[in-house]
Amino acid sequence: MWVMDEHRIGLKPLLRRIWAPRGQRPIVRVQPRYQWLYLYAFAHPNTGRSFYLLMPTVSIVAFSVALAEFATFVGAGAKQQILILLDKAGWHTSPEVERPIGVGLRFLPAYSPELQPAEHLWQLTDVPLVNRWFASLDDLESALAQRLSWLQDQFDLVRSTTHFHWWPNLV
């Protein structure tokens, strides 16, 4: 069983607390702009495997494309069934979603983000974006792509972030 969620990121800065020398105020350059990318993240809490896609939007079509790419990544098909746990966003539950063969969708109860292990991936994916200013979405995408490429190989880190005590121990 895999988990999946989307995360909006963009040119509006992510500000967090930082250390500074005593008596000095930290300075972070910001220029809020409202252009966005969407990070589609899939994770397998038991093993720590993960898969990420950067997409321009969230929609039924974009979700269908993400499912097809994910199915190819994990080798889903008639002989290998994959179950994905996700929220009830309108583009997830639409009958127009093109579900690849071998991919099943199960939905969390409404208004229960605390039950979604994929929600905890954002603390890992946002690291290169915090307290930084990007001139364009391309610059942001480049920084994030490097982080996601590294994160895909960090099985223990992803597992420790997404594997809750109540999660079934199925491999």
N, C-alpha and C. Protein backbone atom coordinates (compact mmCIF):
# COMPACT_ATOMS: atom_id res chain seq x y z
N MET A 1 0.84 -1.18 0.00
CA MET A 1 0.00 0.00 0.00
C MET A 1 0.89 1.25 0.00
N TRP A 2 0.59 2.16 -0.90
CA TRP A 2 1.29 3.42 -1.03
C TRP A 2 0.38 4.56 -0.56
N VAL A 3 0.97 5.72 -0.30
CA VAL A 3 0.21 6.92 0.04
C VAL A 3 0.57 7.99 -0.98
N MET A 4 -0.35 8.95 -1.17
CA MET A 4 -0.11 9.97 -2.18
C MET A 4 -0.79 11.27 -1.76
N ASP A 5 -0.14 12.39 -2.06
CA ASP A 5 -0.73 13.70 -1.81
C ASP A 5 -0.05 14.72 -2.71
N GLU A 6 -0.67 15.90 -2.84
CA GLU A 6 -0.09 17.00 -3.60
C GLU A 6 0.26 18.13 -2.65
N HIS A 7 1.26 18.91 -3.06
CA HIS A 7 1.75 20.04 -2.25
C HIS A 7 1.99 21.22 -3.18
N ARG A 8 1.40 22.36 -2.86
CA ARG A 8 1.60 23.56 -3.69
C ARG A 8 2.85 24.29 -3.21
N ILE A 9 3.73 24.59 -4.14
CA ILE A 9 4.94 25.35 -3.83
C ILE A 9 5.08 26.44 -4.88
N GLY A 10 5.70 27.52 -4.52
CA GLY A 10 5.82 28.58 -5.51
C GLY A 10 6.74 29.69 -5.07
N LEU A 11 6.55 30.84 -5.69
CA LEU A 11 7.43 31.97 -5.47
C LEU A 11 7.07 32.77 -4.23
N LYS A 12 6.02 32.41 -3.54
CA LYS A 12 5.74 33.01 -2.24
C LYS A 12 6.67 32.32 -1.24
N PRO A 13 7.56 33.05 -0.60
CA PRO A 13 8.59 32.42 0.24
C PRO A 13 8.02 31.63 1.42
N LEU A 14 8.75 30.58 1.78
CA LEU A 14 8.47 29.81 2.98
C LEU A 14 9.40 30.32 4.07
N LEU A 15 8.86 31.02 5.02
CA LEU A 15 9.69 31.61 6.07
C LEU A 15 9.67 30.74 7.32
N ARG A 16 10.84 30.48 7.86
CA ARG A 16 11.00 29.71 9.09
C ARG A 16 11.97 30.44 10.00
N ARG A 17 11.98 30.08 11.26
CA ARG A 17 12.93 30.65 12.21
C ARG A 17 14.34 30.16 11.87
N ILE A 18 15.31 31.05 12.08
CA ILE A 18 16.70 30.68 11.86
C ILE A 18 17.56 31.24 12.99
N TRP A 19 18.75 30.69 13.15
CA TRP A 19 19.70 31.17 14.15
C TRP A 19 20.39 32.41 13.61
N ALA A 20 20.71 33.33 14.50
CA ALA A 20 21.48 34.53 14.16
C ALA A 20 22.35 34.89 15.34
N PRO A 21 23.47 35.59 15.09
CA PRO A 21 24.31 36.01 16.21
C PRO A 21 23.52 36.89 17.19
N ARG A 22 23.84 36.77 18.45
CA ARG A 22 23.15 37.53 19.48
C ARG A 22 23.21 39.03 19.17
N GLY A 23 22.07 39.66 19.27
CA GLY A 23 21.98 41.09 19.03
C GLY A 23 21.78 41.49 17.58
N GLN A 24 21.78 40.52 16.68
CA GLN A 24 21.57 40.82 15.26
C GLN A 24 20.27 40.18 14.78
N ARG A 25 19.54 40.91 13.98
CA ARG A 25 18.31 40.36 13.39
C ARG A 25 18.67 39.63 12.11
N PRO A 26 18.14 38.42 11.93
CA PRO A 26 18.39 37.73 10.67
C PRO A 26 17.64 38.42 9.54
N ILE A 27 18.25 38.46 8.39
CA ILE A 27 17.63 39.10 7.23
C ILE A 27 17.40 38.03 6.17
N VAL A 28 16.15 37.96 5.71
CA VAL A 28 15.79 37.03 4.65
C VAL A 28 15.15 37.84 3.53
N ARG A 29 15.68 37.69 2.33
CA ARG A 29 15.15 38.42 1.19
C ARG A 29 13.84 37.78 0.74
N VAL A 30 12.80 38.57 0.62
CA VAL A 30 11.51 38.06 0.14
C VAL A 30 10.95 39.01 -0.91
N GLN A 31 10.25 38.44 -1.83
CA GLN A 31 9.49 39.19 -2.82
C GLN A 31 8.32 38.30 -3.19
N PRO A 32 7.23 38.39 -2.42
CA PRO A 32 6.10 37.49 -2.68
C PRO A 32 5.54 37.65 -4.09
N ARG A 33 5.48 36.53 -4.80
CA ARG A 33 4.83 36.46 -6.10
C ARG A 33 3.99 35.20 -6.09
N TYR A 34 2.95 35.19 -6.84
CA TYR A 34 1.98 34.11 -6.74
C TYR A 34 1.95 33.28 -8.02
N GLN A 35 3.05 32.55 -8.21
CA GLN A 35 3.14 31.56 -9.29
C GLN A 35 3.46 30.23 -8.61
N TRP A 36 2.83 29.17 -9.10
CA TRP A 36 2.89 27.91 -8.36
C TRP A 36 3.30 26.73 -9.24
N LEU A 37 3.88 25.76 -8.59
CA LEU A 37 4.08 24.40 -9.09
C LEU A 37 3.40 23.48 -8.09
N TYR A 38 3.12 22.28 -8.50
CA TYR A 38 2.52 21.31 -7.59
C TYR A 38 3.39 20.07 -7.55
N LEU A 39 3.70 19.65 -6.35
CA LEU A 39 4.50 18.45 -6.14
C LEU A 39 3.57 17.29 -5.83
N TYR A 40 3.57 16.29 -6.70
CA TYR A 40 2.81 15.06 -6.48
C TYR A 40 3.79 14.07 -5.86
N ALA A 41 3.48 13.60 -4.66
CA ALA A 41 4.39 12.70 -3.95
C ALA A 41 3.71 11.38 -3.63
N PHE A 42 4.39 10.30 -3.93
CA PHE A 42 3.94 8.95 -3.62
C PHE A 42 4.98 8.35 -2.67
N ALA A 43 4.54 7.67 -1.63
CA ALA A 43 5.49 7.04 -0.71
C ALA A 43 4.95 5.68 -0.25
N HIS A 44 5.87 4.79 0.02
CA HIS A 44 5.54 3.48 0.57
C HIS A 44 6.08 3.46 2.00
N PRO A 45 5.21 3.70 2.99
CA PRO A 45 5.67 3.85 4.38
C PRO A 45 6.47 2.67 4.93
N ASN A 46 6.19 1.46 4.49
CA ASN A 46 6.89 0.30 5.05
C ASN A 46 8.34 0.20 4.58
N THR A 47 8.62 0.60 3.35
CA THR A 47 9.97 0.46 2.82
C THR A 47 10.71 1.79 2.69
N GLY A 48 9.96 2.89 2.64
CA GLY A 48 10.59 4.19 2.46
C GLY A 48 10.81 4.56 1.00
N ARG A 49 10.33 3.73 0.08
CA ARG A 49 10.43 4.10 -1.33
C ARG A 49 9.54 5.31 -1.59
N SER A 50 9.95 6.16 -2.51
CA SER A 50 9.14 7.33 -2.83
C SER A 50 9.31 7.70 -4.30
N PHE A 51 8.34 8.44 -4.80
CA PHE A 51 8.31 8.87 -6.19
C PHE A 51 7.68 10.25 -6.24
N TYR A 52 8.30 11.17 -6.99
CA TYR A 52 7.84 12.55 -7.01
C TYR A 52 7.69 13.05 -8.44
N LEU A 53 6.68 13.89 -8.64
CA LEU A 53 6.47 14.56 -9.93
C LEU A 53 6.19 16.03 -9.67
N LEU A 54 6.80 16.89 -10.45
CA LEU A 54 6.49 18.32 -10.41
C LEU A 54 5.56 18.60 -11.58
N MET A 55 4.39 19.14 -11.27
CA MET A 55 3.36 19.38 -12.28
C MET A 55 2.92 20.85 -12.23
N PRO A 56 2.40 21.37 -13.33
CA PRO A 56 2.00 22.78 -13.35
C PRO A 56 0.66 23.05 -12.66
N THR A 57 -0.13 22.03 -12.41
CA THR A 57 -1.46 22.24 -11.85
C THR A 57 -1.95 20.98 -11.15
N VAL A 58 -3.06 21.11 -10.45
CA VAL A 58 -3.79 19.95 -9.96
C VAL A 58 -5.11 19.92 -10.73
N SER A 59 -5.40 18.79 -11.31
CA SER A 59 -6.62 18.61 -12.09
C SER A 59 -6.82 17.12 -12.32
N ILE A 60 -7.94 16.78 -12.90
CA ILE A 60 -8.22 15.38 -13.21
C ILE A 60 -7.20 14.86 -14.23
N VAL A 61 -6.92 15.66 -15.24
CA VAL A 61 -5.96 15.25 -16.27
C VAL A 61 -4.57 15.09 -15.68
N ALA A 62 -4.13 16.06 -14.88
CA ALA A 62 -2.80 16.00 -14.26
C ALA A 62 -2.70 14.80 -13.32
N PHE A 63 -3.75 14.53 -12.57
CA PHE A 63 -3.75 13.39 -11.66
C PHE A 63 -3.68 12.08 -12.45
N SER A 64 -4.40 12.00 -13.56
CA SER A 64 -4.35 10.80 -14.40
C SER A 64 -2.95 10.57 -14.95
N VAL A 65 -2.29 11.65 -15.37
CA VAL A 65 -0.91 11.54 -15.86
C VAL A 65 0.02 11.07 -14.73
N ALA A 66 -0.16 11.65 -13.54
CA ALA A 66 0.66 11.26 -12.39
C ALA A 66 0.47 9.78 -12.06
N LEU A 67 -0.77 9.30 -12.10
CA LEU A 67 -1.03 7.88 -11.83
C LEU A 67 -0.35 6.99 -12.88
N ALA A 68 -0.41 7.39 -14.14
CA ALA A 68 0.23 6.60 -15.19
C ALA A 68 1.74 6.54 -14.99
N GLU A 69 2.36 7.68 -14.66
CA GLU A 69 3.81 7.71 -14.41
C GLU A 69 4.17 6.86 -13.20
N PHE A 70 3.36 6.96 -12.15
CA PHE A 70 3.61 6.17 -10.95
C PHE A 70 3.48 4.68 -11.25
N ALA A 71 2.45 4.30 -12.00
CA ALA A 71 2.25 2.88 -12.35
C ALA A 71 3.45 2.33 -13.11
N THR A 72 4.00 3.13 -13.99
CA THR A 72 5.20 2.72 -14.73
C THR A 72 6.38 2.56 -13.77
N PHE A 73 6.53 3.51 -12.85
CA PHE A 73 7.63 3.48 -11.88
C PHE A 73 7.61 2.22 -11.03
N VAL A 74 6.43 1.81 -10.53
CA VAL A 74 6.35 0.65 -9.64
C VAL A 74 6.08 -0.65 -10.37
N GLY A 75 5.82 -0.58 -11.66
CA GLY A 75 5.56 -1.79 -12.43
C GLY A 75 4.18 -2.37 -12.18
N ALA A 76 3.21 -1.52 -11.93
CA ALA A 76 1.84 -1.99 -11.70
C ALA A 76 1.27 -2.55 -13.00
N GLY A 77 0.45 -3.56 -12.86
CA GLY A 77 -0.18 -4.18 -14.03
C GLY A 77 -1.10 -5.30 -13.58
N ALA A 78 -1.47 -6.13 -14.51
CA ALA A 78 -2.39 -7.22 -14.21
C ALA A 78 -1.81 -8.18 -13.16
N LYS A 79 -0.47 -8.34 -13.14
CA LYS A 79 0.15 -9.27 -12.20
C LYS A 79 0.64 -8.61 -10.92
N GLN A 80 0.71 -7.29 -10.90
CA GLN A 80 1.14 -6.58 -9.69
C GLN A 80 0.16 -5.47 -9.38
N GLN A 81 -0.59 -5.67 -8.32
CA GLN A 81 -1.61 -4.71 -7.90
C GLN A 81 -1.02 -3.75 -6.86
N ILE A 82 -1.28 -2.47 -7.04
CA ILE A 82 -0.81 -1.43 -6.12
C ILE A 82 -2.02 -0.69 -5.60
N LEU A 83 -2.07 -0.48 -4.30
CA LEU A 83 -3.16 0.26 -3.67
C LEU A 83 -2.60 1.60 -3.18
N ILE A 84 -3.31 2.68 -3.48
CA ILE A 84 -2.88 4.02 -3.08
C ILE A 84 -3.92 4.62 -2.14
N LEU A 85 -3.47 5.10 -1.00
CA LEU A 85 -4.34 5.77 -0.03
C LEU A 85 -4.20 7.27 -0.23
N LEU A 86 -5.33 7.96 -0.44
CA LEU A 86 -5.30 9.40 -0.68
C LEU A 86 -6.54 10.09 -0.16
N ASP A 87 -6.50 11.42 -0.18
CA ASP A 87 -7.64 12.19 0.33
C ASP A 87 -8.74 12.26 -0.73
N LYS A 88 -9.83 12.90 -0.37
CA LYS A 88 -10.99 12.96 -1.26
C LYS A 88 -11.07 14.26 -2.05
N ALA A 89 -9.92 14.74 -2.54
CA ALA A 89 -9.94 15.92 -3.41
C ALA A 89 -10.79 15.59 -4.64
N GLY A 90 -11.44 16.58 -5.18
CA GLY A 90 -12.34 16.37 -6.32
C GLY A 90 -11.67 15.71 -7.51
N TRP A 91 -10.41 16.05 -7.77
CA TRP A 91 -9.71 15.44 -8.90
C TRP A 91 -9.26 14.02 -8.59
N HIS A 92 -9.33 13.57 -7.35
CA HIS A 92 -9.02 12.18 -7.01
C HIS A 92 -10.24 11.29 -7.18
N THR A 93 -11.40 11.81 -6.81
CA THR A 93 -12.62 11.00 -6.76
C THR A 93 -13.45 11.04 -8.04
N SER A 94 -13.08 11.85 -8.99
CA SER A 94 -13.86 12.00 -10.22
C SER A 94 -13.91 10.69 -11.01
N PRO A 95 -15.08 10.37 -11.57
CA PRO A 95 -15.16 9.18 -12.43
C PRO A 95 -14.36 9.35 -13.73
N GLU A 96 -13.93 10.56 -14.04
CA GLU A 96 -13.16 10.81 -15.25
C GLU A 96 -11.67 10.47 -15.09
N VAL A 97 -11.23 10.16 -13.88
CA VAL A 97 -9.82 9.80 -13.66
C VAL A 97 -9.50 8.52 -14.41
N GLU A 98 -8.43 8.56 -15.19
CA GLU A 98 -7.98 7.37 -15.92
C GLU A 98 -7.03 6.60 -15.03
N ARG A 99 -7.53 5.49 -14.47
CA ARG A 99 -6.74 4.68 -13.55
C ARG A 99 -6.02 3.59 -14.33
N PRO A 100 -4.69 3.52 -14.22
CA PRO A 100 -3.95 2.46 -14.92
C PRO A 100 -4.32 1.08 -14.38
N ILE A 101 -4.12 0.09 -15.21
CA ILE A 101 -4.37 -1.30 -14.79
C ILE A 101 -3.42 -1.62 -13.64
N GLY A 102 -3.95 -2.22 -12.59
CA GLY A 102 -3.14 -2.61 -11.45
C GLY A 102 -3.05 -1.57 -10.36
N VAL A 103 -3.70 -0.42 -10.53
CA VAL A 103 -3.66 0.63 -9.51
C VAL A 103 -5.06 0.81 -8.93
N GLY A 104 -5.17 0.61 -7.62
CA GLY A 104 -6.43 0.81 -6.92
C GLY A 104 -6.34 2.04 -6.02
N LEU A 105 -7.44 2.74 -5.87
CA LEU A 105 -7.47 3.94 -5.04
C LEU A 105 -8.38 3.72 -3.85
N ARG A 106 -7.89 4.08 -2.66
CA ARG A 106 -8.70 4.04 -1.44
C ARG A 106 -8.64 5.42 -0.82
N PHE A 107 -9.75 5.86 -0.25
CA PHE A 107 -9.85 7.23 0.22
C PHE A 107 -9.97 7.32 1.72
N LEU A 108 -9.29 8.32 2.26
CA LEU A 108 -9.37 8.63 3.68
C LEU A 108 -10.70 9.32 3.97
N PRO A 109 -11.15 9.30 5.23
CA PRO A 109 -12.35 10.06 5.57
C PRO A 109 -12.12 11.55 5.30
N ALA A 110 -13.19 12.26 5.03
CA ALA A 110 -13.08 13.69 4.76
C ALA A 110 -12.49 14.42 5.97
N TYR A 111 -11.74 15.48 5.70
CA TYR A 111 -11.18 16.37 6.73
C TYR A 111 -10.33 15.62 7.75
N SER A 112 -9.45 14.75 7.27
CA SER A 112 -8.60 13.99 8.19
C SER A 112 -7.15 13.96 7.71
N PRO A 113 -6.53 15.13 7.53
CA PRO A 113 -5.15 15.14 7.03
C PRO A 113 -4.16 14.48 8.00
N GLU A 114 -4.54 14.41 9.28
CA GLU A 114 -3.63 13.79 10.26
C GLU A 114 -3.47 12.29 10.01
N LEU A 115 -4.36 11.69 9.23
CA LEU A 115 -4.26 10.27 8.91
C LEU A 115 -3.43 10.00 7.66
N GLN A 116 -3.03 11.04 6.94
CA GLN A 116 -2.32 10.89 5.68
C GLN A 116 -0.81 10.96 5.90
N PRO A 117 -0.12 9.80 5.84
CA PRO A 117 1.33 9.81 6.02
C PRO A 117 2.06 10.70 5.01
N ALA A 118 1.53 10.85 3.81
CA ALA A 118 2.20 11.66 2.80
C ALA A 118 2.26 13.14 3.19
N GLU A 119 1.38 13.61 4.06
CA GLU A 119 1.41 15.00 4.52
C GLU A 119 2.75 15.33 5.22
N HIS A 120 3.39 14.32 5.78
CA HIS A 120 4.63 14.53 6.52
C HIS A 120 5.85 14.60 5.61
N LEU A 121 5.67 14.34 4.32
CA LEU A 121 6.79 14.45 3.38
C LEU A 121 7.19 15.89 3.13
N TRP A 122 6.26 16.82 3.33
CA TRP A 122 6.54 18.22 2.98
C TRP A 122 7.66 18.81 3.84
N GLN A 123 7.80 18.34 5.06
CA GLN A 123 8.90 18.85 5.90
C GLN A 123 10.24 18.43 5.32
N LEU A 124 10.27 17.35 4.54
CA LEU A 124 11.50 16.90 3.90
C LEU A 124 11.72 17.58 2.55
N THR A 125 10.65 17.77 1.80
CA THR A 125 10.78 18.33 0.45
C THR A 125 11.02 19.83 0.46
N ASP A 126 10.55 20.54 1.49
CA ASP A 126 10.66 22.00 1.53
C ASP A 126 12.03 22.52 1.97
N VAL A 127 12.92 21.66 2.40
CA VAL A 127 14.20 22.09 2.97
C VAL A 127 14.97 23.07 2.06
N PRO A 128 15.13 22.82 0.75
CA PRO A 128 15.91 23.77 -0.04
C PRO A 128 15.16 25.07 -0.37
N LEU A 129 13.90 25.16 0.00
CA LEU A 129 13.08 26.32 -0.35
C LEU A 129 12.92 27.31 0.80
N VAL A 130 13.18 26.86 2.01
CA VAL A 130 12.94 27.67 3.20
C VAL A 130 13.89 28.86 3.26
N ASN A 131 13.33 30.04 3.51
CA ASN A 131 14.09 31.29 3.67
C ASN A 131 14.94 31.62 2.44
N ARG A 132 14.48 31.22 1.27
CA ARG A 132 15.20 31.52 0.03
C ARG A 132 14.29 32.27 -0.93
N TRP A 133 14.91 33.08 -1.75
CA TRP A 133 14.22 33.82 -2.79
C TRP A 133 14.62 33.24 -4.13
N PHE A 134 13.64 32.98 -4.99
CA PHE A 134 13.91 32.45 -6.32
C PHE A 134 13.44 33.45 -7.36
N ALA A 135 14.26 33.69 -8.37
CA ALA A 135 13.93 34.67 -9.41
C ALA A 135 12.79 34.18 -10.30
N SER A 136 12.71 32.85 -10.48
CA SER A 136 11.68 32.31 -11.37
C SER A 136 11.27 30.92 -10.91
N LEU A 137 10.17 30.43 -11.48
CA LEU A 137 9.74 29.07 -11.18
C LEU A 137 10.78 28.05 -11.66
N ASP A 138 11.49 28.36 -12.73
CA ASP A 138 12.53 27.45 -13.23
C ASP A 138 13.64 27.27 -12.20
N ASP A 139 14.03 28.36 -11.54
CA ASP A 139 15.07 28.29 -10.50
C ASP A 139 14.58 27.46 -9.32
N LEU A 140 13.34 27.69 -8.93
CA LEU A 140 12.75 26.93 -7.83
C LEU A 140 12.67 25.45 -8.20
N GLU A 141 12.22 25.18 -9.41
CA GLU A 141 12.09 23.79 -9.87
C GLU A 141 13.44 23.08 -9.88
N SER A 142 14.48 23.78 -10.30
CA SER A 142 15.82 23.19 -10.32
C SER A 142 16.29 22.83 -8.91
N ALA A 143 16.11 23.74 -7.96
CA ALA A 143 16.51 23.47 -6.57
C ALA A 143 15.71 22.31 -5.99
N LEU A 144 14.41 22.29 -6.26
CA LEU A 144 13.56 21.24 -5.72
C LEU A 144 13.85 19.89 -6.38
N ALA A 145 14.11 19.90 -7.68
CA ALA A 145 14.41 18.64 -8.38
C ALA A 145 15.64 17.96 -7.81
N GLN A 146 16.66 18.74 -7.47
CA GLN A 146 17.86 18.17 -6.85
C GLN A 146 17.51 17.51 -5.52
N ARG A 147 16.70 18.19 -4.72
CA ARG A 147 16.30 17.64 -3.42
C ARG A 147 15.49 16.36 -3.60
N LEU A 148 14.56 16.35 -4.54
CA LEU A 148 13.70 15.18 -4.75
C LEU A 148 14.51 13.99 -5.26
N SER A 149 15.48 14.26 -6.12
CA SER A 149 16.35 13.20 -6.62
C SER A 149 17.12 12.57 -5.47
N TRP A 150 17.63 13.40 -4.57
CA TRP A 150 18.34 12.90 -3.39
C TRP A 150 17.39 12.16 -2.46
N LEU A 151 16.21 12.70 -2.26
CA LEU A 151 15.25 12.13 -1.32
C LEU A 151 14.75 10.75 -1.76
N GLN A 152 14.69 10.51 -3.06
CA GLN A 152 14.23 9.21 -3.55
C GLN A 152 15.13 8.07 -3.10
N ASP A 153 16.37 8.37 -2.78
CA ASP A 153 17.31 7.33 -2.32
C ASP A 153 17.43 7.26 -0.80
N GLN A 154 16.71 8.08 -0.08
CA GLN A 154 16.79 8.13 1.38
C GLN A 154 15.64 7.32 2.00
N PHE A 155 15.70 6.01 1.84
CA PHE A 155 14.62 5.13 2.28
C PHE A 155 14.35 5.24 3.78
N ASP A 156 15.41 5.25 4.58
CA ASP A 156 15.23 5.31 6.04
C ASP A 156 14.59 6.63 6.47
N LEU A 157 14.99 7.72 5.85
CA LEU A 157 14.43 9.02 6.19
C LEU A 157 12.95 9.09 5.83
N VAL A 158 12.59 8.65 4.64
CA VAL A 158 11.18 8.66 4.22
C VAL A 158 10.37 7.72 5.10
N ARG A 159 10.91 6.55 5.39
CA ARG A 159 10.20 5.60 6.25
C ARG A 159 9.97 6.17 7.64
N SER A 160 10.99 6.82 8.22
CA SER A 160 10.84 7.36 9.57
C SER A 160 9.83 8.50 9.61
N THR A 161 9.61 9.15 8.49
CA THR A 161 8.67 10.26 8.42
C THR A 161 7.24 9.82 8.15
N THR A 162 7.07 8.72 7.42
CA THR A 162 5.72 8.32 6.98
C THR A 162 5.18 7.06 7.65
N HIS A 163 6.03 6.26 8.29
CA HIS A 163 5.56 4.99 8.87
C HIS A 163 5.07 5.22 10.29
N PHE A 164 3.77 5.34 10.43
CA PHE A 164 3.15 5.56 11.74
C PHE A 164 3.00 4.24 12.49
N HIS A 165 2.85 4.32 13.80
CA HIS A 165 2.75 3.10 14.61
C HIS A 165 1.52 2.27 14.24
N TRP A 166 0.48 2.88 13.70
CA TRP A 166 -0.75 2.17 13.37
C TRP A 166 -0.78 1.67 11.93
N TRP A 167 0.26 2.00 11.15
CA TRP A 167 0.28 1.60 9.75
C TRP A 167 0.50 0.09 9.64
N PRO A 168 -0.26 -0.61 8.76
CA PRO A 168 -0.08 -2.06 8.64
C PRO A 168 1.32 -2.41 8.13
N ASN A 169 1.92 -3.42 8.71
CA ASN A 169 3.27 -3.81 8.33
C ASN A 169 3.26 -4.81 7.18
N LEU A 170 2.74 -4.39 6.06
CA LEU A 170 2.71 -5.21 4.86
C LEU A 170 3.82 -4.72 3.92
N VAL A 171 4.54 -5.63 3.31
CA VAL A 171 5.60 -5.22 2.37
C VAL A 171 5.24 -5.60 1.01
